[in-house]
Amino acid sequence: MKRTVLLVEDEADTRELLARALEREGFACVTSETPHGALELARGASFIDVVVTDMAMGGDDRAGLRLLPALRAAGVHAPVVVITAFADVEKVKMALNDGASYFLEKPFRAPELVEAIERACQPRGAAAHAAAEVLAHAKLTDKERAIARLLLQGLSSAEIAALEDNSEKTIRQHLTRIYAKCGIGNRAELFSKIYVR
């Protein structure tokens, strides 16, 4: 299965060149020239495996840095590769604190970007990203996804029922469908599928 890269770069020539190079390497690539456009794409995509963003865009030398927490708030927990021509210590620290996985300084060649993406994806990112990947591929409904997330937080069926304003029986029916869609039989197998890589 192809990994999907969200590429955020405001320079059109660079964006097109990098997107073509990534597609030649077997990635699916969605692109945006602005952080706002990237957020819209991220919300509309079924799943983003990795984000590659320029640090400075549109005259704002921290646009890419501000994108990181916005992506997390939108539920995108993919590893992030930050590309920049101006990597000062303060900005690097900010990006790492906001979840950047890898830095790549300009100028670089396409194979170096591919290597950075592979490295960023190697440990499969945070647990939230691993959970999002499993749930995205299972094609759960919004309700099922919400229940699955509560389940993964360790809540019981009764606790989930109270939070979701449903009966416990209804929650158990949702759980049965979630397990079936994920190709598993119970809660323990769901945890194993997500956390044991």
N, C-alpha and C. Protein backbone atom coordinates (compact mmCIF):
# COMPACT_ATOMS: atom_id res chain seq x y z
N MET A 1 0.83 -1.18 0.00
CA MET A 1 0.00 0.00 0.00
C MET A 1 0.88 1.25 0.00
N LYS A 2 0.51 2.24 -0.84
CA LYS A 2 1.28 3.47 -0.92
C LYS A 2 1.12 4.31 0.33
N ARG A 3 2.21 4.89 0.79
CA ARG A 3 2.12 5.87 1.87
C ARG A 3 1.72 7.21 1.27
N THR A 4 0.87 7.94 2.00
CA THR A 4 0.44 9.26 1.53
C THR A 4 1.23 10.34 2.24
N VAL A 5 1.84 11.21 1.42
CA VAL A 5 2.62 12.34 1.93
C VAL A 5 1.83 13.62 1.70
N LEU A 6 1.68 14.42 2.74
CA LEU A 6 1.12 15.76 2.61
C LEU A 6 2.32 16.70 2.52
N LEU A 7 2.50 17.32 1.34
CA LEU A 7 3.65 18.19 1.08
C LEU A 7 3.18 19.64 1.10
N VAL A 8 3.77 20.44 1.99
CA VAL A 8 3.38 21.84 2.14
C VAL A 8 4.59 22.72 1.80
N GLU A 9 4.50 23.40 0.67
CA GLU A 9 5.61 24.21 0.15
C GLU A 9 5.02 25.34 -0.68
N ASP A 10 5.41 26.58 -0.37
CA ASP A 10 4.80 27.72 -1.06
C ASP A 10 5.41 28.02 -2.42
N GLU A 11 6.61 27.53 -2.71
CA GLU A 11 7.22 27.77 -4.01
C GLU A 11 6.74 26.70 -5.00
N ALA A 12 6.02 27.13 -6.02
CA ALA A 12 5.36 26.21 -6.96
C ALA A 12 6.35 25.25 -7.62
N ASP A 13 7.48 25.77 -8.11
CA ASP A 13 8.45 24.91 -8.80
C ASP A 13 9.00 23.84 -7.87
N THR A 14 9.35 24.23 -6.66
CA THR A 14 9.88 23.28 -5.68
C THR A 14 8.83 22.25 -5.31
N ARG A 15 7.60 22.71 -5.09
CA ARG A 15 6.49 21.81 -4.72
C ARG A 15 6.27 20.76 -5.81
N GLU A 16 6.21 21.20 -7.07
CA GLU A 16 5.98 20.26 -8.18
C GLU A 16 7.13 19.28 -8.34
N LEU A 17 8.35 19.78 -8.23
CA LEU A 17 9.54 18.94 -8.38
C LEU A 17 9.57 17.86 -7.29
N LEU A 18 9.33 18.27 -6.03
CA LEU A 18 9.35 17.31 -4.92
C LEU A 18 8.21 16.31 -5.03
N ALA A 19 7.02 16.79 -5.42
CA ALA A 19 5.86 15.89 -5.55
C ALA A 19 6.13 14.83 -6.61
N ARG A 20 6.69 15.25 -7.75
CA ARG A 20 7.00 14.27 -8.82
C ARG A 20 8.03 13.26 -8.35
N ALA A 21 9.05 13.74 -7.64
CA ALA A 21 10.10 12.85 -7.14
C ALA A 21 9.52 11.84 -6.16
N LEU A 22 8.63 12.28 -5.26
CA LEU A 22 8.02 11.37 -4.28
C LEU A 22 7.12 10.36 -4.97
N GLU A 23 6.36 10.79 -5.97
CA GLU A 23 5.49 9.86 -6.70
C GLU A 23 6.30 8.82 -7.46
N ARG A 24 7.46 9.24 -8.01
CA ARG A 24 8.34 8.27 -8.69
C ARG A 24 8.85 7.21 -7.71
N GLU A 25 8.98 7.60 -6.43
CA GLU A 25 9.45 6.67 -5.40
C GLU A 25 8.32 5.81 -4.83
N GLY A 26 7.11 5.98 -5.35
CA GLY A 26 6.00 5.13 -4.92
C GLY A 26 5.08 5.72 -3.87
N PHE A 27 5.27 7.00 -3.52
CA PHE A 27 4.38 7.65 -2.56
C PHE A 27 3.18 8.25 -3.28
N ALA A 28 2.05 8.32 -2.59
CA ALA A 28 0.94 9.14 -3.05
C ALA A 28 1.20 10.51 -2.44
N CYS A 29 1.05 11.58 -3.21
CA CYS A 29 1.42 12.90 -2.73
C CYS A 29 0.27 13.89 -2.90
N VAL A 30 -0.14 14.52 -1.81
CA VAL A 30 -1.10 15.62 -1.87
C VAL A 30 -0.35 16.88 -1.48
N THR A 31 -0.59 17.99 -2.19
CA THR A 31 0.22 19.17 -1.98
C THR A 31 -0.62 20.40 -1.65
N SER A 32 0.02 21.31 -0.94
CA SER A 32 -0.60 22.59 -0.62
C SER A 32 0.49 23.66 -0.60
N GLU A 33 0.10 24.87 -1.00
CA GLU A 33 1.06 25.97 -0.95
C GLU A 33 0.95 26.78 0.33
N THR A 34 -0.09 26.47 1.16
CA THR A 34 -0.28 27.22 2.40
C THR A 34 -0.60 26.27 3.56
N PRO A 35 -0.30 26.67 4.78
CA PRO A 35 -0.68 25.87 5.95
C PRO A 35 -2.21 25.70 6.04
N HIS A 36 -2.96 26.77 5.71
CA HIS A 36 -4.43 26.67 5.76
C HIS A 36 -4.92 25.60 4.78
N GLY A 37 -4.38 25.62 3.57
CA GLY A 37 -4.76 24.61 2.58
C GLY A 37 -4.37 23.21 3.01
N ALA A 38 -3.22 23.10 3.69
CA ALA A 38 -2.77 21.80 4.19
C ALA A 38 -3.74 21.25 5.23
N LEU A 39 -4.23 22.13 6.11
CA LEU A 39 -5.21 21.69 7.12
C LEU A 39 -6.49 21.19 6.47
N GLU A 40 -6.95 21.90 5.44
CA GLU A 40 -8.15 21.46 4.73
C GLU A 40 -7.93 20.10 4.08
N LEU A 41 -6.78 19.92 3.44
CA LEU A 41 -6.46 18.63 2.82
C LEU A 41 -6.39 17.52 3.87
N ALA A 42 -5.76 17.83 5.00
CA ALA A 42 -5.61 16.83 6.06
C ALA A 42 -6.96 16.40 6.60
N ARG A 43 -7.86 17.36 6.76
CA ARG A 43 -9.21 17.03 7.26
C ARG A 43 -9.99 16.19 6.27
N GLY A 44 -9.75 16.41 4.97
CA GLY A 44 -10.50 15.69 3.94
C GLY A 44 -9.90 14.36 3.53
N ALA A 45 -8.63 14.12 3.88
CA ALA A 45 -7.95 12.89 3.47
C ALA A 45 -8.37 11.73 4.37
N SER A 46 -8.39 10.54 3.81
CA SER A 46 -8.73 9.37 4.63
C SER A 46 -7.61 9.07 5.62
N PHE A 47 -6.35 9.28 5.19
CA PHE A 47 -5.23 9.06 6.11
C PHE A 47 -3.98 9.69 5.54
N ILE A 48 -3.23 10.37 6.38
CA ILE A 48 -1.93 10.96 6.00
C ILE A 48 -0.85 10.19 6.75
N ASP A 49 0.10 9.62 6.01
CA ASP A 49 1.17 8.84 6.64
C ASP A 49 2.30 9.71 7.15
N VAL A 50 2.61 10.77 6.41
CA VAL A 50 3.71 11.66 6.81
C VAL A 50 3.46 13.05 6.22
N VAL A 51 3.88 14.08 6.97
CA VAL A 51 3.77 15.46 6.52
C VAL A 51 5.17 15.99 6.26
N VAL A 52 5.35 16.64 5.11
CA VAL A 52 6.60 17.33 4.81
C VAL A 52 6.23 18.79 4.64
N THR A 53 6.77 19.65 5.49
CA THR A 53 6.42 21.07 5.41
C THR A 53 7.65 21.96 5.43
N ASP A 54 7.60 22.99 4.61
CA ASP A 54 8.62 24.04 4.66
C ASP A 54 8.39 24.82 5.95
N MET A 55 9.45 25.33 6.53
CA MET A 55 9.29 26.11 7.76
C MET A 55 8.79 27.52 7.45
N ALA A 56 9.37 28.16 6.43
CA ALA A 56 9.01 29.53 6.08
C ALA A 56 8.16 29.53 4.82
N MET A 57 6.99 30.18 4.91
CA MET A 57 6.09 30.27 3.75
C MET A 57 5.41 31.62 3.73
N GLY A 58 5.28 32.18 2.52
CA GLY A 58 4.56 33.43 2.35
C GLY A 58 5.11 34.57 3.19
N GLY A 59 6.42 34.64 3.36
CA GLY A 59 7.01 35.71 4.13
C GLY A 59 6.95 35.51 5.64
N ASP A 60 6.36 34.40 6.08
CA ASP A 60 6.27 34.08 7.51
C ASP A 60 7.29 32.99 7.81
N ASP A 61 8.33 33.35 8.58
CA ASP A 61 9.42 32.38 8.81
C ASP A 61 9.06 31.29 9.82
N ARG A 62 7.81 31.31 10.34
CA ARG A 62 7.38 30.26 11.28
C ARG A 62 6.06 29.61 10.86
N ALA A 63 5.64 29.81 9.63
CA ALA A 63 4.35 29.27 9.17
C ALA A 63 4.30 27.75 9.33
N GLY A 64 5.38 27.08 8.94
CA GLY A 64 5.42 25.63 9.06
C GLY A 64 5.41 25.16 10.50
N LEU A 65 6.02 25.95 11.39
CA LEU A 65 6.03 25.60 12.81
C LEU A 65 4.62 25.69 13.40
N ARG A 66 3.88 26.71 13.00
CA ARG A 66 2.51 26.87 13.51
C ARG A 66 1.58 25.78 12.97
N LEU A 67 1.95 25.22 11.82
CA LEU A 67 1.13 24.16 11.23
C LEU A 67 1.14 22.89 12.10
N LEU A 68 2.26 22.60 12.76
CA LEU A 68 2.38 21.36 13.52
C LEU A 68 1.31 21.20 14.60
N PRO A 69 1.16 22.16 15.53
CA PRO A 69 0.10 21.99 16.54
C PRO A 69 -1.30 22.04 15.94
N ALA A 70 -1.46 22.78 14.83
CA ALA A 70 -2.78 22.83 14.18
C ALA A 70 -3.15 21.47 13.60
N LEU A 71 -2.17 20.77 13.05
CA LEU A 71 -2.42 19.41 12.54
C LEU A 71 -2.80 18.47 13.67
N ARG A 72 -2.08 18.56 14.79
CA ARG A 72 -2.39 17.70 15.94
C ARG A 72 -3.81 17.97 16.43
N ALA A 73 -4.17 19.26 16.49
CA ALA A 73 -5.52 19.62 16.94
C ALA A 73 -6.58 19.10 15.98
N ALA A 74 -6.21 18.95 14.70
CA ALA A 74 -7.15 18.43 13.70
C ALA A 74 -7.15 16.90 13.68
N GLY A 75 -6.37 16.27 14.56
CA GLY A 75 -6.37 14.81 14.64
C GLY A 75 -5.35 14.13 13.76
N VAL A 76 -4.43 14.89 13.17
CA VAL A 76 -3.39 14.30 12.32
C VAL A 76 -2.14 14.12 13.17
N HIS A 77 -1.79 12.88 13.44
CA HIS A 77 -0.64 12.57 14.30
C HIS A 77 0.50 11.93 13.51
N ALA A 78 0.54 12.22 12.22
CA ALA A 78 1.58 11.67 11.36
C ALA A 78 2.94 12.27 11.70
N PRO A 79 4.01 11.53 11.46
CA PRO A 79 5.34 12.12 11.65
C PRO A 79 5.53 13.29 10.68
N VAL A 80 6.32 14.28 11.09
CA VAL A 80 6.52 15.49 10.29
C VAL A 80 8.00 15.69 9.99
N VAL A 81 8.29 15.92 8.71
CA VAL A 81 9.63 16.29 8.27
C VAL A 81 9.58 17.78 7.95
N VAL A 82 10.41 18.57 8.61
CA VAL A 82 10.46 20.01 8.38
C VAL A 82 11.64 20.31 7.47
N ILE A 83 11.37 21.04 6.38
CA ILE A 83 12.45 21.45 5.48
C ILE A 83 12.66 22.96 5.65
N THR A 84 13.91 23.36 5.68
CA THR A 84 14.19 24.77 5.91
C THR A 84 15.57 25.16 5.40
N ALA A 85 15.67 26.42 5.02
CA ALA A 85 16.97 26.97 4.66
C ALA A 85 17.59 27.70 5.84
N PHE A 86 16.78 27.94 6.88
CA PHE A 86 17.24 28.76 8.01
C PHE A 86 16.97 28.04 9.33
N ALA A 87 17.71 27.01 9.63
CA ALA A 87 17.47 26.23 10.85
C ALA A 87 18.27 26.80 12.01
N ASP A 88 17.66 27.74 12.75
CA ASP A 88 18.35 28.20 13.94
C ASP A 88 17.89 27.37 15.14
N VAL A 89 18.67 27.40 16.20
CA VAL A 89 18.46 26.53 17.36
C VAL A 89 17.07 26.71 17.97
N GLU A 90 16.63 27.96 18.10
CA GLU A 90 15.33 28.23 18.71
C GLU A 90 14.19 27.60 17.91
N LYS A 91 14.24 27.75 16.59
CA LYS A 91 13.18 27.19 15.75
C LYS A 91 13.22 25.66 15.74
N VAL A 92 14.41 25.11 15.73
CA VAL A 92 14.54 23.64 15.78
C VAL A 92 13.92 23.13 17.07
N LYS A 93 14.21 23.80 18.19
CA LYS A 93 13.66 23.40 19.48
C LYS A 93 12.13 23.48 19.48
N MET A 94 11.60 24.58 18.93
CA MET A 94 10.15 24.74 18.85
C MET A 94 9.52 23.61 18.04
N ALA A 95 10.10 23.31 16.88
CA ALA A 95 9.55 22.28 16.01
C ALA A 95 9.58 20.91 16.69
N LEU A 96 10.68 20.61 17.37
CA LEU A 96 10.78 19.32 18.06
C LEU A 96 9.76 19.23 19.20
N ASN A 97 9.58 20.35 19.91
CA ASN A 97 8.57 20.36 20.98
C ASN A 97 7.17 20.19 20.45
N ASP A 98 6.94 20.63 19.21
CA ASP A 98 5.62 20.50 18.60
C ASP A 98 5.47 19.20 17.80
N GLY A 99 6.46 18.32 17.87
CA GLY A 99 6.30 16.99 17.29
C GLY A 99 7.00 16.72 15.98
N ALA A 100 7.87 17.62 15.52
CA ALA A 100 8.62 17.32 14.29
C ALA A 100 9.49 16.09 14.51
N SER A 101 9.57 15.23 13.50
CA SER A 101 10.35 14.00 13.62
C SER A 101 11.74 14.14 13.00
N TYR A 102 11.85 15.05 12.02
CA TYR A 102 13.09 15.10 11.25
C TYR A 102 13.24 16.47 10.62
N PHE A 103 14.49 16.94 10.50
CA PHE A 103 14.79 18.20 9.83
C PHE A 103 15.64 17.94 8.61
N LEU A 104 15.38 18.68 7.55
CA LEU A 104 16.18 18.58 6.34
C LEU A 104 16.49 20.00 5.88
N GLU A 105 17.78 20.32 5.81
CA GLU A 105 18.17 21.67 5.42
C GLU A 105 18.30 21.78 3.91
N LYS A 106 17.80 22.90 3.37
CA LYS A 106 17.96 23.21 1.95
C LYS A 106 19.38 23.74 1.73
N PRO A 107 19.96 23.49 0.57
CA PRO A 107 19.41 22.68 -0.53
C PRO A 107 19.63 21.19 -0.27
N PHE A 108 18.72 20.37 -0.77
CA PHE A 108 18.86 18.92 -0.66
C PHE A 108 18.36 18.30 -1.97
N ARG A 109 18.73 17.04 -2.15
CA ARG A 109 18.28 16.32 -3.34
C ARG A 109 17.11 15.43 -2.96
N ALA A 110 16.30 15.06 -3.95
CA ALA A 110 15.10 14.25 -3.70
C ALA A 110 15.40 12.97 -2.92
N PRO A 111 16.49 12.23 -3.23
CA PRO A 111 16.76 11.02 -2.45
C PRO A 111 16.96 11.28 -0.96
N GLU A 112 17.48 12.47 -0.63
CA GLU A 112 17.65 12.82 0.79
C GLU A 112 16.29 13.02 1.46
N LEU A 113 15.34 13.58 0.72
CA LEU A 113 13.99 13.75 1.27
C LEU A 113 13.32 12.39 1.47
N VAL A 114 13.48 11.51 0.50
CA VAL A 114 12.90 10.16 0.62
C VAL A 114 13.49 9.45 1.84
N GLU A 115 14.80 9.59 2.03
CA GLU A 115 15.45 8.97 3.19
C GLU A 115 14.91 9.56 4.50
N ALA A 116 14.71 10.88 4.53
CA ALA A 116 14.17 11.54 5.72
C ALA A 116 12.76 11.03 6.02
N ILE A 117 11.95 10.87 4.98
CA ILE A 117 10.59 10.37 5.16
C ILE A 117 10.61 8.95 5.70
N GLU A 118 11.47 8.12 5.13
CA GLU A 118 11.59 6.73 5.59
C GLU A 118 12.02 6.68 7.06
N ARG A 119 12.96 7.52 7.42
CA ARG A 119 13.42 7.56 8.82
C ARG A 119 12.30 8.03 9.75
N ALA A 120 11.58 9.06 9.32
CA ALA A 120 10.49 9.59 10.15
C ALA A 120 9.40 8.55 10.35
N CYS A 121 9.18 7.72 9.35
CA CYS A 121 8.12 6.71 9.43
C CYS A 121 8.57 5.44 10.11
N GLN A 122 9.87 5.25 10.27
CA GLN A 122 10.40 3.99 10.79
C GLN A 122 9.77 3.53 12.08
N PRO A 123 9.78 4.34 13.13
CA PRO A 123 9.19 3.87 14.37
C PRO A 123 7.67 3.93 14.38
N ARG A 124 7.08 4.36 13.26
CA ARG A 124 5.62 4.46 13.09
C ARG A 124 5.02 5.56 13.95
N GLY A 125 5.83 6.51 14.39
CA GLY A 125 5.31 7.69 15.07
C GLY A 125 4.71 7.39 16.41
N ALA A 126 3.88 8.29 16.88
CA ALA A 126 3.26 8.17 18.19
C ALA A 126 2.17 7.11 18.20
N ALA A 127 1.81 6.69 19.39
CA ALA A 127 0.73 5.71 19.52
C ALA A 127 -0.55 6.22 18.90
N ALA A 128 -0.81 7.53 19.03
CA ALA A 128 -2.02 8.10 18.45
C ALA A 128 -2.03 7.93 16.93
N HIS A 129 -0.84 8.05 16.31
CA HIS A 129 -0.75 7.87 14.86
C HIS A 129 -1.02 6.41 14.49
N ALA A 130 -0.46 5.48 15.26
CA ALA A 130 -0.69 4.06 14.99
C ALA A 130 -2.17 3.72 15.13
N ALA A 131 -2.82 4.26 16.16
CA ALA A 131 -4.26 4.02 16.34
C ALA A 131 -5.05 4.62 15.19
N ALA A 132 -4.70 5.85 14.79
CA ALA A 132 -5.42 6.50 13.68
C ALA A 132 -5.27 5.70 12.39
N GLU A 133 -4.09 5.11 12.18
CA GLU A 133 -3.85 4.32 10.97
C GLU A 133 -4.77 3.10 10.93
N VAL A 134 -4.83 2.35 12.04
CA VAL A 134 -5.67 1.16 12.10
C VAL A 134 -7.15 1.54 11.90
N LEU A 135 -7.59 2.59 12.57
CA LEU A 135 -8.99 2.99 12.49
C LEU A 135 -9.35 3.53 11.10
N ALA A 136 -8.41 4.24 10.46
CA ALA A 136 -8.67 4.76 9.12
C ALA A 136 -8.83 3.63 8.11
N HIS A 137 -7.96 2.63 8.21
CA HIS A 137 -8.01 1.52 7.25
C HIS A 137 -9.22 0.61 7.49
N ALA A 138 -9.80 0.67 8.68
CA ALA A 138 -10.98 -0.16 8.98
C ALA A 138 -12.26 0.45 8.44
N LYS A 139 -12.19 1.71 7.98
CA LYS A 139 -13.36 2.40 7.41
C LYS A 139 -14.52 2.46 8.41
N LEU A 140 -14.22 2.90 9.61
CA LEU A 140 -15.24 3.03 10.64
C LEU A 140 -16.09 4.28 10.39
N THR A 141 -17.33 4.24 10.87
CA THR A 141 -18.17 5.44 10.84
C THR A 141 -17.63 6.41 11.89
N ASP A 142 -18.09 7.66 11.86
CA ASP A 142 -17.65 8.64 12.87
C ASP A 142 -17.97 8.15 14.28
N LYS A 143 -19.16 7.59 14.46
CA LYS A 143 -19.59 7.10 15.77
C LYS A 143 -18.68 5.95 16.22
N GLU A 144 -18.41 5.01 15.31
CA GLU A 144 -17.55 3.87 15.64
C GLU A 144 -16.13 4.35 15.98
N ARG A 145 -15.64 5.34 15.23
CA ARG A 145 -14.30 5.86 15.49
C ARG A 145 -14.24 6.49 16.88
N ALA A 146 -15.28 7.26 17.24
CA ALA A 146 -15.32 7.90 18.56
C ALA A 146 -15.33 6.85 19.67
N ILE A 147 -16.12 5.79 19.48
CA ILE A 147 -16.19 4.72 20.48
C ILE A 147 -14.86 3.97 20.56
N ALA A 148 -14.24 3.72 19.40
CA ALA A 148 -12.95 3.02 19.39
C ALA A 148 -11.89 3.82 20.12
N ARG A 149 -11.89 5.14 19.95
CA ARG A 149 -10.90 5.97 20.64
C ARG A 149 -11.10 5.92 22.16
N LEU A 150 -12.36 5.94 22.58
CA LEU A 150 -12.64 5.84 24.02
C LEU A 150 -12.21 4.48 24.56
N LEU A 151 -12.45 3.45 23.77
CA LEU A 151 -12.04 2.10 24.14
C LEU A 151 -10.51 2.04 24.32
N LEU A 152 -9.79 2.69 23.39
CA LEU A 152 -8.33 2.68 23.44
C LEU A 152 -7.78 3.51 24.60
N GLN A 153 -8.62 4.35 25.18
CA GLN A 153 -8.22 5.09 26.38
C GLN A 153 -8.40 4.25 27.64
N GLY A 154 -8.94 3.03 27.46
CA GLY A 154 -9.10 2.12 28.58
C GLY A 154 -10.45 2.18 29.26
N LEU A 155 -11.42 2.89 28.66
CA LEU A 155 -12.74 3.00 29.28
C LEU A 155 -13.53 1.71 29.10
N SER A 156 -14.37 1.41 30.06
CA SER A 156 -15.25 0.22 29.98
C SER A 156 -16.45 0.55 29.09
N SER A 157 -17.19 -0.48 28.72
CA SER A 157 -18.41 -0.28 27.91
C SER A 157 -19.39 0.63 28.63
N ALA A 158 -19.51 0.47 29.95
CA ALA A 158 -20.44 1.30 30.73
C ALA A 158 -20.00 2.76 30.72
N GLU A 159 -18.68 3.00 30.86
CA GLU A 159 -18.17 4.37 30.84
C GLU A 159 -18.37 5.01 29.46
N ILE A 160 -18.14 4.22 28.41
CA ILE A 160 -18.34 4.73 27.05
C ILE A 160 -19.82 5.05 26.83
N ALA A 161 -20.69 4.18 27.31
CA ALA A 161 -22.14 4.39 27.17
C ALA A 161 -22.56 5.70 27.82
N ALA A 162 -22.02 5.98 29.00
CA ALA A 162 -22.36 7.22 29.71
C ALA A 162 -21.88 8.44 28.93
N LEU A 163 -20.65 8.38 28.42
CA LEU A 163 -20.09 9.51 27.67
C LEU A 163 -20.80 9.73 26.33
N GLU A 164 -21.19 8.64 25.68
CA GLU A 164 -21.82 8.73 24.37
C GLU A 164 -23.34 8.86 24.44
N ASP A 165 -23.89 8.84 25.67
CA ASP A 165 -25.34 8.94 25.88
C ASP A 165 -26.08 7.83 25.14
N ASN A 166 -25.57 6.61 25.28
CA ASN A 166 -26.17 5.41 24.70
C ASN A 166 -26.33 4.37 25.78
N SER A 167 -27.08 3.32 25.47
CA SER A 167 -27.17 2.21 26.41
C SER A 167 -25.90 1.36 26.26
N GLU A 168 -25.62 0.58 27.28
CA GLU A 168 -24.46 -0.30 27.21
C GLU A 168 -24.63 -1.34 26.10
N LYS A 169 -25.86 -1.77 25.89
CA LYS A 169 -26.15 -2.75 24.82
C LYS A 169 -25.80 -2.15 23.46
N THR A 170 -26.15 -0.88 23.24
CA THR A 170 -25.85 -0.22 21.96
C THR A 170 -24.34 -0.12 21.76
N ILE A 171 -23.62 0.22 22.84
CA ILE A 171 -22.16 0.31 22.75
C ILE A 171 -21.57 -1.05 22.41
N ARG A 172 -22.07 -2.11 23.03
CA ARG A 172 -21.57 -3.47 22.72
C ARG A 172 -21.81 -3.82 21.25
N GLN A 173 -22.97 -3.38 20.70
CA GLN A 173 -23.24 -3.63 19.28
C GLN A 173 -22.23 -2.88 18.40
N HIS A 174 -21.95 -1.63 18.76
CA HIS A 174 -20.93 -0.86 18.02
C HIS A 174 -19.57 -1.55 18.11
N LEU A 175 -19.22 -2.02 19.31
CA LEU A 175 -17.93 -2.69 19.49
C LEU A 175 -17.82 -3.94 18.62
N THR A 176 -18.91 -4.69 18.52
CA THR A 176 -18.91 -5.88 17.67
C THR A 176 -18.60 -5.50 16.22
N ARG A 177 -19.22 -4.41 15.74
CA ARG A 177 -18.98 -3.96 14.35
C ARG A 177 -17.54 -3.44 14.19
N ILE A 178 -17.05 -2.73 15.21
CA ILE A 178 -15.67 -2.22 15.15
C ILE A 178 -14.69 -3.38 15.06
N TYR A 179 -14.87 -4.38 15.91
CA TYR A 179 -13.97 -5.55 15.88
C TYR A 179 -14.02 -6.24 14.52
N ALA A 180 -15.22 -6.39 13.97
CA ALA A 180 -15.37 -7.07 12.68
C ALA A 180 -14.64 -6.28 11.58
N LYS A 181 -14.82 -4.97 11.57
CA LYS A 181 -14.19 -4.14 10.54
C LYS A 181 -12.67 -4.13 10.68
N CYS A 182 -12.18 -4.27 11.90
CA CYS A 182 -10.73 -4.29 12.13
C CYS A 182 -10.15 -5.70 11.96
N GLY A 183 -11.01 -6.69 11.74
CA GLY A 183 -10.55 -8.06 11.54
C GLY A 183 -10.05 -8.71 12.82
N ILE A 184 -10.68 -8.37 13.94
CA ILE A 184 -10.27 -8.91 15.24
C ILE A 184 -11.50 -9.38 16.00
N GLY A 185 -11.28 -10.00 17.17
CA GLY A 185 -12.40 -10.55 17.92
C GLY A 185 -12.72 -9.88 19.23
N ASN A 186 -11.76 -9.09 19.78
CA ASN A 186 -12.02 -8.50 21.09
C ASN A 186 -11.09 -7.31 21.36
N ARG A 187 -11.29 -6.70 22.52
CA ARG A 187 -10.53 -5.51 22.93
C ARG A 187 -9.02 -5.80 22.97
N ALA A 188 -8.64 -6.92 23.53
CA ALA A 188 -7.21 -7.25 23.65
C ALA A 188 -6.56 -7.33 22.27
N GLU A 189 -7.27 -7.91 21.31
CA GLU A 189 -6.71 -8.02 19.95
C GLU A 189 -6.59 -6.64 19.30
N LEU A 190 -7.52 -5.72 19.62
CA LEU A 190 -7.44 -4.36 19.08
C LEU A 190 -6.18 -3.67 19.62
N PHE A 191 -5.94 -3.78 20.92
CA PHE A 191 -4.74 -3.19 21.52
C PHE A 191 -3.49 -3.80 20.90
N SER A 192 -3.51 -5.11 20.72
CA SER A 192 -2.35 -5.79 20.15
C SER A 192 -2.09 -5.33 18.71
N LYS A 193 -3.17 -5.19 17.93
CA LYS A 193 -3.03 -4.77 16.53
C LYS A 193 -2.41 -3.39 16.42
N ILE A 194 -2.73 -2.51 17.37
CA ILE A 194 -2.26 -1.13 17.32
C ILE A 194 -0.89 -0.97 17.95
N TYR A 195 -0.69 -1.54 19.11
CA TYR A 195 0.51 -1.23 19.88
C TYR A 195 1.65 -2.22 19.73
N VAL A 196 1.36 -3.42 19.25
CA VAL A 196 2.42 -4.41 19.07
C VAL A 196 2.79 -4.44 17.59
N ARG A 197 3.88 -3.74 17.24
CA ARG A 197 4.28 -3.60 15.83
C ARG A 197 5.48 -4.46 15.54
